[in-house]
Amino acid sequence: MTTTDTEDRNRKRPTDEDVDIYNEDGNVRSDFLARLGAAIADRDTLFLRQNVARLHESEIGDLLESLQPDQRLALVRLLGDDFDMTALTEVDETIRREIVDQLPNEQIAAAIGELDSDDAVYILEDLDQEDREEILAQLPFTERVRLRRALDYPESSAGRRMQTEFVAVPPFWTVGQTIDYMRDEEDLPYSFSQIFVIDPTFKLLGAVDLDQILRTKRQMKIETIMRETNHPIPAEMDQEEAAQLFEQYDLLSAAVVDENERLVGVLTIDDVVDVIHEEADEDIKRLGGVGDEELSDNVISTVRSRFLWLLINLGTAMLSASVIGLFDGSIEKMIALAVLMPIVASMGGNAGTQTMTVTVRALATRDLDIYNAGRIIRREAGVGILNGMLFALLLGMIAGTWFHNYQLGAVIGAAMIINLIAAALAGILLPLLLDKMGADPAIASSVFVTTVTDCTGFFAFLGLATWWFGI
C-alpha cells in the first residue's frame, strides 16, 4: 500500500467534528442506531458518508456488530468505495464472513489493495480457496506475492500476523542516503519505527531505530550505528509465543524471518495486542467448554459448539451418581446425608476450579514449567489443607448444630478436608498432565477436575458416615 493510499483513507477520519456514537457506558447510542437504521432504509448515502464513513475502523466495527444482519450488508453496499474494509478486522469471524460472502470479489479485491498486508491476510484467510484465488489474481503482482507468502504460513503463526511492508536498506548506505530514500520512495509503510539492515540476499543483519537515524550525522554509514535485531521472530512461531517475546522484552516491533534468516516481514505491537486479546478470550471460552463460539452465532451453531462438552459432562455426572448409588442404603437410613453431601462436592468443585484457572493461565503464559512445578504443587496442597481445616471447622459446627449431631459434623468436616486437598491437587496436576500429553488444558481440565472433586467428595462423606455410624 502506498503512502498516498493511506493518506486518502485517513482523510475520512473525523477531526474537529467527531461523530460521537457512544453513550457514557461505552455502548453504541440507541438514538444513533435508530437514525442509522432509518438512513439505511431510506438509502440516505449523504448521512452515511458524513456520519459513518468518517469514523475510525473500530467504531465502524462496533456499529456493524450492533446492527441487524440485513442492515450490515445494506450499510456496506450503500457506502461502496467509502466503506473502510479494515473495519472487518474489528468484528467477529461470523459477521466478517457473513458480509464478505455477499460482496462481489471485484469489490473485495479493490478494497484489499488499499489495506495493510496484515489486515488483508486477516480478511482473505476466511474466504474459500476459489474466491481467495480469484481476488488475489486481480491484485498487482508484487502485492499478490506478498499476500500469498503470508497465507502460506500456518494459521495462528507469526507469518500470518506479520506486515509484509517494511523499510530495509543495505549496510553500506549512509544515514543521508537512508533519509533521502524514505522521503522520496512512495511505496513505504505509512507508519514504522525501525529500519532493517539486510544483505543482497535479504538476510537480516541488524536494525536501526528511527530516533537513532535522527540523532546521527548524514555521512555516517548505517553499519556503524546498526545493532543486532532484538529477538527476530521465526515466521513459523506460534503467535502466542511471539506475543510473549513482546511482553518479555518490551518490544514495539520485531523482524520476522524465514528458515534461512531472510527478512520477510515485521510484527508490530498493534497486532500483538490483538493476539493477546484473542488468546485470553479463547482460553476463557475453552474453560467453559464453548469452543470458538461468537456472540453473533445462530442457535444451531451455538448448540453444535456446546453439545459435545455437555455430553461429556453428562457422562461424568453419571459417574458421580454411581458413587452415590453405592451408599443408597445409608442415605435411606440417615436423610441428613442427602442434605449435606452436595455441600462437600460443591466446595471441592469451586476450590478445584480456582486452582485450575490459575494453573491453566500460568501454563499459557509460560510462567509454570518443570523448574517451578514442584514448588507450586506443594503450595496448592498447603492451600488445600489449610482451607480444608478452616471450612471443616465452620461446616462441622453448622451441621452439628443443624441436625443436633456433632458426630455428623465431625464426619462432614473430615470429608471437607479430604475433598479440598483432592481439589487442589487435581486442579494443578490434571492441567499439567494434559499439557504434557499435548492436549489443551484449557478445554479439557474443567470436566475432569469437576469429576474428581464430585466423586471424591461423595465417596469421602458417604463412606466415612457409613463407617462411623455403621449404617
Protein backbone atom coordinates (compact mmCIF):
# COMPACT_ATOMS: atom_id res chain seq x y z
CA MET A 1 0.00 0.00 0.00
CA THR A 2 1.41 3.40 -0.91
CA THR A 3 1.59 6.40 1.38
CA THR A 4 -0.90 8.21 -0.82
CA ASP A 5 -3.46 5.42 -0.42
CA THR A 6 -3.21 5.56 3.35
CA GLU A 7 -3.44 9.35 3.44
CA ASP A 8 -6.59 9.19 1.33
CA ARG A 9 -8.11 6.76 3.82
CA ASN A 10 -7.12 8.89 6.80
CA ARG A 11 -8.80 11.96 5.32
CA LYS A 12 -12.07 10.15 6.04
CA ARG A 13 -11.31 10.17 9.75
CA PRO A 14 -13.05 12.75 11.95
CA THR A 15 -11.01 15.75 13.04
CA ASP A 16 -12.73 18.78 14.56
CA GLU A 17 -16.25 17.42 14.06
CA ASP A 18 -16.13 13.99 15.62
CA VAL A 19 -19.27 11.87 15.43
CA ASP A 20 -19.90 10.59 18.95
CA ILE A 21 -21.59 7.19 18.67
CA TYR A 22 -21.08 6.03 22.27
CA ASN A 23 -23.00 6.68 25.47
CA GLU A 24 -21.46 7.12 28.91
CA ASP A 25 -21.25 3.33 29.36
CA GLY A 26 -19.18 2.90 26.21
CA ASN A 27 -22.01 1.27 24.24
CA VAL A 28 -23.32 2.44 20.88
CA ARG A 29 -26.03 5.03 21.45
CA SER A 30 -29.53 3.72 20.77
CA ASP A 31 -30.62 7.01 19.19
CA PHE A 32 -27.69 6.91 16.77
CA LEU A 33 -28.53 3.31 15.86
CA ALA A 34 -32.13 4.34 15.21
CA ARG A 35 -31.00 7.21 12.95
CA LEU A 36 -28.57 4.91 11.20
CA GLY A 37 -31.27 2.28 10.63
CA ALA A 38 -33.57 4.92 9.17
CA ALA A 39 -30.80 6.20 6.89
CA ILE A 40 -30.13 2.67 5.63
CA ALA A 41 -33.85 2.11 4.99
CA ASP A 42 -34.09 5.47 3.14
CA ARG A 43 -30.81 4.84 1.28
CA ASP A 44 -29.53 8.15 2.62
CA THR A 45 -25.94 7.90 1.40
CA LEU A 46 -25.18 11.52 2.35
CA PHE A 47 -25.91 10.79 6.03
CA LEU A 48 -23.87 7.58 5.86
CA ARG A 49 -20.84 9.28 4.31
CA GLN A 50 -20.94 12.14 6.81
CA ASN A 51 -21.61 10.10 9.93
CA VAL A 52 -20.26 6.59 9.27
CA ALA A 53 -17.59 6.64 6.57
CA ARG A 54 -15.55 9.16 8.60
CA LEU A 55 -15.45 7.00 11.73
CA HIS A 56 -12.44 5.01 12.90
CA GLU A 57 -12.50 1.39 11.74
CA SER A 58 -13.01 0.13 15.31
CA GLU A 59 -16.09 2.37 15.64
CA ILE A 60 -17.47 1.09 12.34
CA GLY A 61 -16.85 -2.42 13.63
CA ASP A 62 -18.92 -1.69 16.74
CA LEU A 63 -21.74 -0.36 14.54
CA LEU A 64 -21.67 -3.48 12.36
CA GLU A 65 -21.95 -5.71 15.43
CA SER A 66 -24.88 -3.65 16.75
CA LEU A 67 -26.89 -3.72 13.50
CA GLN A 68 -29.22 -6.44 12.28
CA PRO A 69 -27.71 -8.83 9.68
CA ASP A 70 -29.65 -7.34 6.74
CA GLN A 71 -28.70 -3.81 7.83
CA ARG A 72 -24.99 -4.67 7.95
CA LEU A 73 -24.82 -5.74 4.34
CA ALA A 74 -27.01 -2.83 3.22
CA LEU A 75 -24.68 -0.37 5.00
CA VAL A 76 -21.59 -1.81 3.30
CA ARG A 77 -23.23 -1.72 -0.12
CA LEU A 78 -24.54 1.84 0.30
CA LEU A 79 -21.13 3.12 1.34
CA GLY A 80 -19.47 1.39 -1.61
CA ASP A 81 -15.90 2.65 -2.06
CA ASP A 82 -16.28 4.80 1.07
CA PHE A 83 -16.53 1.71 3.29
CA ASP A 84 -13.25 1.08 5.10
CA MET A 85 -12.66 -2.65 4.75
CA THR A 86 -10.31 -2.51 7.74
CA ALA A 87 -13.45 -2.39 9.88
CA LEU A 88 -13.97 -6.08 9.08
CA THR A 89 -10.89 -6.89 11.16
CA GLU A 90 -12.68 -5.39 14.17
CA VAL A 91 -15.70 -7.73 14.12
CA ASP A 92 -16.00 -11.41 14.97
CA GLU A 93 -15.47 -14.09 12.35
CA THR A 94 -19.17 -14.87 11.86
CA ILE A 95 -20.05 -11.28 10.95
CA ARG A 96 -16.96 -10.90 8.79
CA ARG A 97 -17.77 -14.00 6.75
CA GLU A 98 -21.42 -13.01 6.56
CA ILE A 99 -20.51 -9.69 4.93
CA VAL A 100 -17.63 -10.84 2.74
CA ASP A 101 -19.59 -13.79 1.34
CA GLN A 102 -22.21 -11.38 -0.03
CA LEU A 103 -19.79 -8.94 -1.67
CA PRO A 104 -18.56 -9.37 -5.25
CA ASN A 105 -14.93 -10.44 -5.50
CA GLU A 106 -14.15 -7.39 -7.61
CA GLN A 107 -15.17 -5.06 -4.78
CA ILE A 108 -13.19 -7.09 -2.23
CA ALA A 109 -10.10 -7.05 -4.46
CA ALA A 110 -10.30 -3.29 -4.88
CA ALA A 111 -10.60 -2.81 -1.12
CA ILE A 112 -7.88 -5.36 -0.30
CA GLY A 113 -5.46 -3.40 -2.47
CA GLU A 114 -5.75 -0.42 -0.11
CA LEU A 115 -5.18 -2.35 3.13
CA ASP A 116 -2.00 -3.11 5.02
CA SER A 117 -0.90 -6.65 4.24
CA ASP A 118 -1.65 -7.96 7.77
CA ASP A 119 -5.23 -6.66 7.57
CA ALA A 120 -5.62 -8.04 4.03
CA VAL A 121 -4.48 -11.51 5.14
CA TYR A 122 -6.87 -11.36 8.11
CA ILE A 123 -9.78 -11.00 5.69
CA LEU A 124 -8.52 -13.32 2.95
CA GLU A 125 -7.87 -16.26 5.27
CA ASP A 126 -11.61 -16.61 5.98
CA LEU A 127 -12.54 -16.94 2.30
CA ASP A 128 -12.98 -20.12 0.31
CA GLN A 129 -9.92 -21.12 -1.67
CA GLU A 130 -11.62 -20.41 -5.02
CA ASP A 131 -12.73 -16.90 -4.02
CA ARG A 132 -9.36 -16.16 -2.47
CA GLU A 133 -7.50 -17.07 -5.65
CA GLU A 134 -9.88 -15.03 -7.80
CA ILE A 135 -9.31 -11.98 -5.59
CA LEU A 136 -5.53 -12.43 -5.50
CA ALA A 137 -5.45 -12.71 -9.30
CA GLN A 138 -6.82 -9.17 -9.55
CA LEU A 139 -4.05 -7.64 -7.42
CA PRO A 140 -0.71 -6.27 -8.68
CA PHE A 141 1.99 -8.92 -8.93
CA THR A 142 4.18 -7.71 -6.04
CA GLU A 143 1.27 -7.40 -3.66
CA ARG A 144 -0.13 -10.76 -4.74
CA VAL A 145 3.20 -12.46 -4.00
CA ARG A 146 3.41 -10.84 -0.55
CA LEU A 147 -0.07 -11.90 0.44
CA ARG A 148 0.36 -15.46 -0.85
CA ARG A 149 3.59 -15.81 1.09
CA ALA A 150 1.84 -14.75 4.30
CA LEU A 151 -1.13 -17.04 3.62
CA ASP A 152 1.22 -19.99 3.13
CA TYR A 153 2.30 -19.82 6.75
CA PRO A 154 0.29 -21.81 9.33
CA GLU A 155 -2.78 -20.28 10.88
CA SER A 156 -2.03 -18.52 14.20
CA SER A 157 1.66 -18.20 13.29
CA ALA A 158 3.74 -15.02 13.29
CA GLY A 159 3.94 -15.27 9.49
CA ARG A 160 0.16 -14.94 9.25
CA ARG A 161 0.18 -11.92 11.55
CA MET A 162 3.14 -10.07 10.07
CA GLN A 163 3.03 -6.99 7.88
CA THR A 164 5.00 -7.50 4.69
CA GLU A 165 5.57 -3.78 4.15
CA PHE A 166 8.80 -2.66 5.83
CA VAL A 167 11.84 -0.43 5.28
CA ALA A 168 15.12 -2.23 4.60
CA VAL A 169 18.46 -0.79 3.46
CA PRO A 170 21.98 -2.18 2.82
CA PRO A 171 24.66 -1.67 5.49
CA PHE A 172 26.92 0.47 3.26
CA TRP A 173 24.35 3.23 2.82
CA THR A 174 24.86 6.44 4.73
CA VAL A 175 22.31 7.97 7.06
CA GLY A 176 21.78 10.72 4.48
CA GLN A 177 21.02 8.19 1.73
CA THR A 178 18.57 6.42 4.02
CA ILE A 179 16.75 9.64 4.90
CA ASP A 180 16.52 10.66 1.25
CA TYR A 181 15.22 7.22 0.35
CA MET A 182 12.47 7.46 2.94
CA ARG A 183 11.50 10.91 1.70
CA ASP A 184 11.43 10.02 -1.99
CA GLU A 185 10.12 6.43 -2.02
CA GLU A 186 6.34 6.27 -2.27
CA ASP A 187 5.85 2.57 -1.65
CA LEU A 188 6.68 2.54 2.07
CA PRO A 189 4.56 1.60 5.07
CA TYR A 190 2.64 4.56 6.47
CA SER A 191 3.94 4.03 10.00
CA PHE A 192 7.14 2.33 11.19
CA SER A 193 9.66 2.69 13.99
CA GLN A 194 12.59 0.59 12.75
CA ILE A 195 14.73 0.38 9.64
CA PHE A 196 16.11 -3.08 8.97
CA VAL A 197 19.56 -3.76 7.55
CA ILE A 198 19.90 -6.59 5.03
CA ASP A 199 22.50 -8.10 2.71
CA PRO A 200 21.88 -8.68 -1.03
CA THR A 201 20.11 -12.00 -0.29
CA PHE A 202 17.72 -10.27 2.15
CA LYS A 203 19.39 -11.96 5.11
CA LEU A 204 18.75 -9.90 8.22
CA LEU A 205 21.88 -8.20 9.57
CA GLY A 206 20.50 -5.75 12.09
CA ALA A 207 18.22 -2.80 12.67
CA VAL A 208 18.31 0.92 13.37
CA ASP A 209 15.65 2.82 15.30
CA LEU A 210 14.31 6.00 13.74
CA ASP A 211 15.40 8.11 16.71
CA GLN A 212 18.97 6.88 16.15
CA ILE A 213 18.75 7.97 12.50
CA LEU A 214 17.61 11.45 13.52
CA ARG A 215 20.48 11.85 16.02
CA THR A 216 23.23 10.75 13.62
CA LYS A 217 25.11 12.86 11.06
CA ARG A 218 24.27 12.25 7.40
CA GLN A 219 27.72 10.98 6.41
CA MET A 220 27.73 8.12 8.92
CA LYS A 221 27.23 4.66 7.46
CA ILE A 222 24.33 2.53 8.58
CA GLU A 223 26.60 -0.38 9.52
CA THR A 224 28.32 1.77 12.14
CA ILE A 225 25.11 2.58 14.02
CA MET A 226 23.05 -0.55 13.46
CA ARG A 227 22.54 -3.04 16.25
CA GLU A 228 21.68 -6.68 16.25
CA THR A 229 17.97 -7.13 15.77
CA ASN A 230 16.15 -7.57 19.05
CA HIS A 231 14.80 -11.09 19.05
CA PRO A 232 13.91 -11.78 15.41
CA ILE A 233 10.81 -13.94 15.26
CA PRO A 234 10.67 -17.07 13.07
CA ALA A 235 7.69 -16.90 10.72
CA GLU A 236 6.59 -20.38 11.82
CA MET A 237 6.50 -19.41 15.52
CA ASP A 238 3.08 -19.55 17.17
CA GLN A 239 1.57 -16.09 17.55
CA GLU A 240 1.13 -16.58 21.30
CA GLU A 241 4.84 -17.28 21.75
CA ALA A 242 5.64 -14.19 19.67
CA ALA A 243 3.36 -12.11 21.89
CA GLN A 244 5.22 -13.39 24.95
CA LEU A 245 8.51 -12.15 23.45
CA PHE A 246 6.97 -8.69 23.00
CA GLU A 247 5.81 -8.74 26.61
CA GLN A 248 9.11 -10.00 27.98
CA TYR A 249 11.37 -7.58 26.10
CA ASP A 250 9.00 -4.57 25.79
CA LEU A 251 9.16 -4.58 22.00
CA LEU A 252 7.29 -2.16 19.74
CA SER A 253 8.06 -4.14 16.60
CA ALA A 254 10.15 -7.15 15.63
CA ALA A 255 11.56 -8.56 12.42
CA VAL A 256 10.01 -11.77 11.10
CA VAL A 257 12.44 -14.12 9.35
CA ASP A 258 12.09 -17.34 7.38
CA GLU A 259 14.01 -20.57 7.93
CA ASN A 260 17.05 -19.07 6.12
CA GLU A 261 17.01 -15.97 8.35
CA ARG A 262 15.83 -13.79 5.48
CA LEU A 263 13.62 -10.84 6.35
CA VAL A 264 10.04 -11.49 5.25
CA GLY A 265 8.01 -9.08 7.37
CA VAL A 266 7.55 -7.18 10.59
CA LEU A 267 5.31 -7.85 13.57
CA THR A 268 4.01 -4.71 15.28
CA ILE A 269 2.63 -4.05 18.72
CA ASP A 270 -0.92 -3.36 17.49
CA ASP A 271 -1.13 -6.87 16.06
CA VAL A 272 0.35 -8.34 19.24
CA VAL A 273 -2.28 -6.62 21.38
CA ASP A 274 -4.93 -8.29 19.20
CA VAL A 275 -3.19 -11.65 19.67
CA ILE A 276 -3.12 -11.28 23.46
CA HIS A 277 -6.81 -10.39 23.47
CA GLU A 278 -7.72 -13.32 21.20
CA GLU A 279 -5.69 -15.87 23.16
CA ALA A 280 -7.13 -14.73 26.50
CA ASP A 281 -10.64 -14.82 25.03
CA GLU A 282 -10.00 -18.30 23.65
CA ASP A 283 -8.75 -19.63 26.99
CA ILE A 284 -11.77 -18.27 28.87
CA LYS A 285 -14.17 -19.81 26.37
CA ARG A 286 -12.43 -23.16 26.44
CA LEU A 287 -12.53 -23.25 30.23
CA GLY A 288 -16.30 -23.02 29.86
CA GLY A 289 -16.38 -25.63 27.10
CA VAL A 290 -17.83 -23.32 24.43
CA GLY A 291 -15.10 -23.67 21.79
CA ASP A 292 -14.89 -20.88 19.21
CA GLU A 293 -18.40 -19.62 19.81
CA GLU A 294 -19.18 -15.98 18.90
CA LEU A 295 -21.99 -13.77 20.17
CA SER A 296 -23.27 -13.39 16.60
CA ASP A 297 -23.58 -17.17 16.05
CA ASN A 298 -27.07 -18.53 15.39
CA VAL A 299 -28.88 -21.08 17.56
CA ILE A 300 -27.75 -24.14 15.57
CA SER A 301 -24.07 -23.12 15.60
CA THR A 302 -24.20 -22.39 19.31
CA VAL A 303 -25.83 -25.76 20.10
CA ARG A 304 -23.22 -27.53 17.98
CA SER A 305 -20.44 -25.70 19.85
CA ARG A 306 -21.73 -26.61 23.29
CA PHE A 307 -23.29 -30.04 22.81
CA LEU A 308 -20.12 -32.16 22.88
CA TRP A 309 -18.89 -30.90 26.23
CA LEU A 310 -22.36 -31.07 27.73
CA LEU A 311 -22.48 -34.70 26.58
CA ILE A 312 -19.12 -35.35 28.26
CA ASN A 313 -20.43 -33.63 31.39
CA LEU A 314 -23.44 -35.93 31.32
CA GLY A 315 -21.12 -38.93 31.33
CA THR A 316 -19.10 -37.60 34.27
CA ALA A 317 -22.31 -36.75 36.14
CA MET A 318 -23.44 -40.36 35.70
CA LEU A 319 -20.12 -41.47 37.19
CA SER A 320 -20.72 -39.23 40.22
CA ALA A 321 -24.26 -40.57 40.53
CA SER A 322 -22.93 -44.14 40.53
CA VAL A 323 -20.76 -43.26 43.55
CA ILE A 324 -23.88 -42.04 45.38
CA GLY A 325 -25.65 -45.23 44.38
CA LEU A 326 -23.10 -47.25 46.33
CA PHE A 327 -24.46 -45.71 49.53
CA ASP A 328 -28.20 -45.59 48.81
CA GLY A 329 -28.89 -47.72 51.91
CA SER A 330 -27.01 -45.31 54.16
CA ILE A 331 -28.86 -42.33 52.68
CA GLU A 332 -32.23 -44.02 53.30
CA LYS A 333 -31.36 -44.52 56.99
CA MET A 334 -29.96 -41.00 57.53
CA ILE A 335 -31.69 -38.32 55.46
CA ALA A 336 -29.20 -35.72 56.69
CA LEU A 337 -26.60 -37.29 54.40
CA ALA A 338 -28.67 -36.41 51.33
CA VAL A 339 -29.00 -32.84 52.56
CA LEU A 340 -25.31 -32.31 53.31
CA MET A 341 -23.47 -34.28 50.62
CA PRO A 342 -23.90 -31.63 47.82
CA ILE A 343 -22.10 -29.11 50.05
CA VAL A 344 -18.89 -31.15 50.15
CA ALA A 345 -18.91 -31.76 46.39
CA SER A 346 -19.75 -28.13 45.59
CA MET A 347 -16.98 -26.73 47.79
CA GLY A 348 -14.48 -29.13 46.24
CA GLY A 349 -15.58 -28.17 42.73
CA ASN A 350 -15.16 -24.47 43.42
CA ALA A 351 -11.77 -24.95 45.07
CA GLY A 352 -10.61 -27.12 42.18
CA THR A 353 -11.76 -24.52 39.65
CA GLN A 354 -9.77 -21.81 41.44
CA THR A 355 -6.56 -23.84 41.30
CA MET A 356 -7.23 -24.98 37.73
CA THR A 357 -7.81 -21.40 36.50
CA VAL A 358 -4.52 -20.19 37.95
CA THR A 359 -2.69 -23.23 36.57
CA VAL A 360 -4.10 -23.01 33.05
CA ARG A 361 -3.28 -19.31 32.83
CA ALA A 362 0.25 -19.90 34.14
CA LEU A 363 0.78 -22.61 31.53
CA ALA A 364 -0.50 -20.30 28.78
CA THR A 365 1.90 -17.53 29.79
CA ARG A 366 4.80 -19.99 30.34
CA ASP A 367 5.08 -18.92 33.98
CA LEU A 368 4.66 -22.53 35.10
CA ASP A 369 7.26 -25.03 33.93
CA ILE A 370 9.20 -28.08 35.08
CA TYR A 371 11.54 -25.94 37.20
CA ASN A 372 8.92 -24.43 39.49
CA ALA A 373 6.13 -27.03 39.19
CA GLY A 374 7.16 -28.85 42.40
CA ARG A 375 7.06 -25.68 44.47
CA ILE A 376 3.66 -24.66 43.06
CA ILE A 377 2.22 -28.15 43.68
CA ARG A 378 3.38 -28.00 47.31
CA ARG A 379 1.88 -24.54 47.67
CA GLU A 380 -1.50 -25.62 46.31
CA ALA A 381 -1.50 -28.70 48.52
CA GLY A 382 -0.84 -26.46 51.52
CA VAL A 383 -3.67 -24.16 50.48
CA GLY A 384 -5.97 -27.18 50.19
CA ILE A 385 -5.05 -28.44 53.66
CA LEU A 386 -5.45 -25.05 55.37
CA ASN A 387 -8.72 -24.20 53.58
CA GLY A 388 -9.97 -27.71 54.31
CA MET A 389 -9.31 -27.33 58.01
CA LEU A 390 -10.94 -23.89 58.20
CA PHE A 391 -14.06 -24.91 56.33
CA ALA A 392 -14.18 -28.27 58.14
CA LEU A 393 -14.41 -26.40 61.44
CA LEU A 394 -17.04 -23.98 60.12
CA LEU A 395 -19.19 -26.57 58.33
CA GLY A 396 -18.82 -29.12 61.15
CA MET A 397 -20.22 -26.64 63.64
CA ILE A 398 -23.09 -25.68 61.32
CA ALA A 399 -24.01 -29.31 60.50
CA GLY A 400 -23.74 -30.42 64.14
CA THR A 401 -26.00 -27.59 65.32
CA TRP A 402 -28.43 -28.01 62.43
CA PHE A 403 -29.02 -31.75 62.95
CA HIS A 404 -28.16 -31.84 66.69
CA ASN A 405 -25.49 -34.42 65.90
CA TYR A 406 -21.90 -33.27 66.36
CA GLN A 407 -20.55 -36.66 65.26
CA LEU A 408 -22.12 -35.92 61.88
CA GLY A 409 -20.40 -32.52 61.99
CA ALA A 410 -17.05 -34.24 62.58
CA VAL A 411 -17.66 -36.61 59.66
CA ILE A 412 -18.51 -33.86 57.18
CA GLY A 413 -15.53 -31.84 58.45
CA ALA A 414 -13.18 -34.73 57.73
CA ALA A 415 -14.72 -35.21 54.30
CA MET A 416 -14.25 -31.49 53.60
CA ILE A 417 -10.53 -31.69 54.39
CA ILE A 418 -10.10 -34.72 52.11
CA ASN A 419 -12.01 -33.17 49.21
CA LEU A 420 -10.30 -29.77 49.31
CA ILE A 421 -6.89 -31.45 49.29
CA ALA A 422 -8.03 -33.60 46.34
CA ALA A 423 -9.40 -30.47 44.61
CA ALA A 424 -6.10 -28.59 44.99
CA LEU A 425 -4.05 -31.50 43.64
CA ALA A 426 -6.46 -32.21 40.78
CA GLY A 427 -6.60 -28.52 39.86
CA ILE A 428 -2.87 -28.37 39.25
CA LEU A 429 -1.86 -31.94 38.35
CA LEU A 430 -4.54 -32.56 35.70
CA PRO A 431 -3.72 -29.43 33.62
CA LEU A 432 0.00 -30.25 33.90
CA LEU A 433 -0.65 -33.82 32.74
CA LEU A 434 -2.83 -32.72 29.84
CA ASP A 435 -0.23 -30.14 28.79
CA LYS A 436 2.49 -32.80 28.94
CA MET A 437 0.37 -35.07 26.71
CA GLY A 438 -0.05 -32.29 24.14
CA ALA A 439 -3.73 -31.66 24.89
CA ASP A 440 -5.07 -28.18 25.53
CA PRO A 441 -5.52 -27.95 29.34
CA ALA A 442 -7.95 -25.04 28.93
CA ILE A 443 -10.52 -27.09 27.07
CA ALA A 444 -10.23 -30.39 28.94
CA SER A 445 -9.33 -29.63 32.55
CA SER A 446 -12.66 -28.36 33.87
CA VAL A 447 -14.57 -31.56 33.11
CA PHE A 448 -12.00 -33.83 34.74
CA VAL A 449 -11.38 -31.63 37.77
CA THR A 450 -15.13 -31.45 38.49
CA THR A 451 -15.42 -35.22 38.15
CA VAL A 452 -12.57 -35.79 40.62
CA THR A 453 -13.99 -33.40 43.21
CA ASP A 454 -17.55 -34.73 42.89
CA CYS A 455 -16.54 -38.38 43.17
CA THR A 456 -14.05 -37.74 45.96
CA GLY A 457 -16.50 -35.56 47.89
CA PHE A 458 -19.39 -38.00 47.69
CA PHE A 459 -17.23 -41.05 48.41
CA ALA A 460 -15.39 -39.42 51.33
CA PHE A 461 -18.52 -38.09 53.04
CA LEU A 462 -20.81 -41.06 52.47
CA GLY A 463 -18.05 -43.60 53.08
CA LEU A 464 -16.96 -42.00 56.37
CA ALA A 465 -20.59 -41.66 57.51
CA THR A 466 -21.33 -45.30 56.68
CA TRP A 467 -18.23 -46.48 58.54
CA TRP A 468 -18.67 -44.19 61.57
CA PHE A 469 -22.39 -44.73 62.14
CA GLY A 470 -22.38 -48.36 60.99
CA ILE A 471 -25.28 -47.86 58.56
